[in-house]
Amino acid sequence: MYAIFAYALLLLMVLFLEWLIWDHWVSGKLYICTDLGFPIFDMIPPFVHPGSDDAYLVPAWRVWLVWVSFMAAAFALPALIIRNISRREMD
């Protein structure tokens, strides 16, 4: 039960860190989203909204590839951390 709680907590922390990275290095550099809202929503697809001034600055597949990589890392990293901690406790 502790592992599930630890995973959820680490997942939130990693997602927050990824949001900071996304906001600084992806949003506004790979695409422009003109929505006025909380910046964390820039990381939630769709990145470019039809009927607005939003635009991709690179091919759309590149933005999606970066996003999928971020999400894969967000879910894998906490699991790897917990696995390494539990292995050390068993030794």
Protein backbone atom coordinates (compact mmCIF):
# COMPACT_ATOMS: atom_id res chain seq x y z
CA MET A 1 0.00 0.00 0.00
CA TYR A 2 2.88 2.35 0.77
CA ALA A 3 4.33 1.71 -2.69
CA ILE A 4 1.11 2.85 -4.36
CA PHE A 5 1.02 6.03 -2.27
CA ALA A 6 4.71 6.66 -2.96
CA TYR A 7 4.18 6.08 -6.68
CA ALA A 8 1.27 8.54 -6.79
CA LEU A 9 3.24 11.16 -4.87
CA LEU A 10 6.32 10.73 -7.04
CA LEU A 11 4.16 10.82 -10.17
CA LEU A 12 2.72 14.20 -9.15
CA MET A 13 6.20 15.53 -8.43
CA VAL A 14 7.57 14.31 -11.77
CA LEU A 15 4.57 15.69 -13.67
CA PHE A 16 5.09 19.08 -11.99
CA LEU A 17 8.78 19.03 -12.92
CA GLU A 18 7.90 18.07 -16.49
CA TRP A 19 5.34 20.87 -16.65
CA LEU A 20 8.07 23.36 -15.69
CA ILE A 21 10.36 21.95 -18.38
CA TRP A 22 7.52 21.93 -20.93
CA ASP A 23 6.57 25.51 -20.13
CA HIS A 24 10.17 26.70 -20.48
CA TRP A 25 11.48 24.66 -23.44
CA VAL A 26 8.48 23.43 -25.47
CA SER A 27 5.48 25.74 -25.20
CA GLY A 28 6.13 28.82 -27.29
CA LYS A 29 9.15 27.22 -28.95
CA LEU A 30 7.63 24.23 -30.76
CA TYR A 31 4.09 25.58 -30.95
CA ILE A 32 2.14 28.71 -30.09
CA CYS A 33 -1.01 28.43 -27.99
CA THR A 34 -2.79 31.74 -27.57
CA ASP A 35 -5.35 30.59 -25.00
CA LEU A 36 -5.38 32.69 -21.90
CA GLY A 37 -5.51 30.25 -19.06
CA PHE A 38 -3.39 28.52 -16.51
CA PRO A 39 -0.07 27.64 -18.21
CA ILE A 40 -0.18 24.04 -17.02
CA PHE A 41 -2.95 23.42 -19.55
CA ASP A 42 -0.46 24.01 -22.38
CA MET A 43 0.88 20.51 -21.75
CA ILE A 44 -2.54 18.92 -22.21
CA PRO A 45 -3.43 18.03 -25.83
CA PRO A 46 -4.56 19.34 -28.21
CA PHE A 47 -1.73 21.83 -28.41
CA VAL A 48 -3.08 23.80 -31.35
CA HIS A 49 -6.79 24.60 -31.34
CA PRO A 50 -8.73 24.97 -34.58
CA GLY A 51 -10.28 28.35 -35.22
CA SER A 52 -7.68 30.22 -33.16
CA ASP A 53 -4.32 31.87 -33.76
CA ASP A 54 -2.53 28.78 -32.46
CA ALA A 55 0.16 27.30 -34.71
CA TYR A 56 2.84 24.65 -34.80
CA LEU A 57 6.36 26.02 -35.29
CA VAL A 58 7.72 22.55 -36.07
CA PRO A 59 5.95 19.55 -37.60
CA ALA A 60 3.04 18.46 -35.38
CA TRP A 61 4.43 14.91 -35.07
CA ARG A 62 7.53 16.33 -33.36
CA VAL A 63 5.45 18.04 -30.65
CA TRP A 64 3.45 14.83 -30.13
CA LEU A 65 6.66 12.77 -29.97
CA VAL A 66 8.05 15.06 -27.27
CA TRP A 67 4.76 14.84 -25.35
CA VAL A 68 4.63 11.03 -25.55
CA SER A 69 8.24 10.89 -24.35
CA PHE A 70 7.42 13.17 -21.43
CA MET A 71 4.41 11.04 -20.44
CA ALA A 72 6.36 7.78 -20.73
CA ALA A 73 9.10 9.21 -18.52
CA ALA A 74 6.55 10.56 -16.03
CA PHE A 75 5.01 7.13 -15.46
CA ALA A 76 8.26 5.12 -15.65
CA LEU A 77 10.49 7.25 -13.43
CA PRO A 78 8.50 6.86 -10.18
CA ALA A 79 8.28 3.10 -10.77
CA LEU A 80 12.04 2.87 -11.26
CA ILE A 81 12.71 4.92 -8.14
CA ILE A 82 10.42 2.75 -6.01
CA ARG A 83 11.92 -0.43 -7.45
CA ASN A 84 15.46 0.73 -6.64
CA ILE A 85 14.47 1.74 -3.11
CA SER A 86 12.74 -1.59 -2.46
CA ARG A 87 15.75 -3.52 -3.82
CA ARG A 88 18.06 -1.66 -1.46
CA GLU A 89 15.80 -2.45 1.50
CA MET A 90 15.91 -6.16 0.62
CA ASP A 91 19.72 -6.26 0.55
